[in-house]
Structures are given as structure tokens and as C-alpha cells.
Protein backbone atom coordinates (compact mmCIF):
# COMPACT_ATOMS: atom_id res chain seq x y z
CA MET A 1 -6.69 6.13 -14.76
CA SER A 2 -8.44 4.02 -12.14
CA ILE A 3 -5.30 3.37 -10.08
CA PRO A 4 -4.63 7.02 -9.17
CA ALA A 5 -8.37 7.67 -8.87
CA ASN A 6 -8.63 4.91 -6.25
CA ILE A 7 -5.65 6.33 -4.37
CA ALA A 8 -7.12 9.84 -4.41
CA GLU A 9 -10.54 8.64 -3.32
CA GLY A 10 -9.04 6.50 -0.57
CA ARG A 11 -6.95 9.36 0.77
CA ARG A 12 -10.15 11.24 1.56
CA GLN A 13 -11.35 8.46 3.86
CA THR A 14 -11.30 8.99 7.61
CA THR A 15 -9.32 5.94 8.73
CA ASP A 16 -6.19 4.16 7.57
CA ALA A 17 -8.24 0.95 7.26
CA GLN A 18 -10.56 2.65 4.79
CA PHE A 19 -7.57 4.13 2.95
CA ALA A 20 -6.02 0.65 2.75
CA ARG A 21 -9.26 -0.69 1.25
CA TYR A 22 -9.03 1.84 -1.59
CA LEU A 23 -5.34 1.07 -2.07
CA GLY A 24 -6.47 -2.54 -2.46
CA TYR A 25 -8.83 -1.41 -5.18
CA GLY A 26 -5.81 0.23 -6.80
CA LEU A 27 -3.95 -3.09 -6.61
CA ASN A 28 -6.87 -4.79 -8.31
CA SER A 29 -6.89 -2.11 -11.00
CA ALA A 30 -3.17 -2.70 -11.59
CA SER A 31 -3.87 -6.40 -12.13
CA GLU A 32 -6.68 -5.52 -14.51
CA LEU A 33 -4.35 -3.18 -16.40
CA GLU A 34 -1.77 -5.94 -16.70
CA TYR A 35 -4.43 -8.16 -18.25
CA HIS A 36 -5.37 -5.44 -20.75
CA LEU A 37 -1.69 -5.08 -21.67
CA ILE A 38 -1.48 -8.83 -22.31
CA VAL A 39 -4.53 -8.65 -24.57
CA ALA A 40 -3.10 -5.62 -26.37
CA ARG A 41 0.16 -7.48 -26.96
CA ASP A 42 -1.52 -10.69 -28.02
CA THR A 43 -3.78 -8.91 -30.51
CA GLY A 44 -0.92 -6.86 -31.95
CA ILE A 45 -2.10 -3.48 -30.66
CA ILE A 46 1.24 -2.97 -28.92
CA THR A 47 4.63 -4.50 -29.58
CA GLU A 48 6.41 -6.94 -27.29
CA ASP A 49 8.86 -4.17 -26.31
CA GLU A 50 6.02 -1.78 -25.45
CA PHE A 51 4.34 -4.54 -23.47
CA ALA A 52 7.52 -5.31 -21.53
CA THR A 53 8.02 -1.64 -20.60
CA LEU A 54 4.40 -1.02 -19.61
CA ALA A 55 4.06 -4.31 -17.73
CA ALA A 56 7.24 -3.56 -15.74
CA GLN A 57 5.87 -0.13 -14.82
CA THR A 58 2.55 -1.66 -13.80
CA ILE A 59 4.28 -4.24 -11.61
CA SER A 60 6.37 -1.48 -10.03
CA VAL A 61 3.23 0.50 -9.16
CA ARG A 62 1.61 -2.62 -7.75
CA LYS A 63 4.65 -3.26 -5.53
CA MET A 64 4.56 0.35 -4.27
CA LEU A 65 0.86 0.07 -3.43
CA TYR A 66 1.43 -3.22 -1.62
CA THR A 67 4.28 -1.71 0.40
CA LEU A 68 2.17 1.33 1.30
CA ILE A 69 -0.68 -0.91 2.48
CA LYS A 70 1.73 -2.89 4.66
CA ARG A 71 3.10 0.30 6.22
CA LEU A 72 -0.30 1.48 7.39
CA PRO A 73 -1.00 0.77 11.07
CA ALA A 74 -2.48 -2.67 11.77
CA THR A 75 -4.98 -1.15 14.18
CA PRO A 76 -5.71 2.09 12.42
CA PRO A 77 -6.53 5.15 14.48
CA ASN A 78 -8.84 7.76 13.04
CA ARG A 79 -6.69 10.10 10.94
CA LYS A 80 -8.77 13.14 11.88
CA SER A 81 -7.27 14.84 14.89
CA THR A 82 -9.63 15.57 17.74
CA ASN A 83 -9.11 17.66 20.81
CA ALA A 84 -12.05 16.19 22.66
CA THR A 85 -11.45 14.31 25.87
CA PRO A 86 -13.32 11.06 26.38
CA LYS A 87 -16.23 11.31 28.79
CA SER A 88 -16.14 9.08 31.82
CA PRO A 89 -19.16 6.79 32.41
């Protein structure tokens, strides 16, 4: 649940840099989820087949998040559009 929550929270930020930060939190949550899946497998809560399926899905989500982060502008402009003209000094 934390991965999509981080994405949703990040999307409400005002800059792409802030959005990327929350996507990074989502990446961290995906790694945490993978750890929980390993523990669940190792303690017999889920089967090896269930683990393999869920781990593959988790890795896929992590790759998508990483790709999205890389596609955000390196020097992020403010995502809010403004019609104001800059004032001259």
C-alpha cells in the first residue's frame, strides 16, 4: 500500500524534483516489500511459487518507478503554470 501512496502523495507536489523524491520513497518501499516477501517465503507463510510471482511483480514496479524518475527533467521547472511575467530589476 505504501508504494501507490507515495506516488499519489508525490504527484501533488509542485515540482518534478519533489515528485521524484516521492517516487524514490516508492522505490524504497518496493525494496522493503521484497524483503517482507523473502521473510514470508522463508517462514513458510507463502510458497516458493507465490514468492516468485510476487517478487517478479515487485521488481517490475521498481523498474517502472526507476524509469519514471529518469524521465523527469534534470532541472525541473515548476509544474504549476503561471501567466505572470517576471519583473525587471
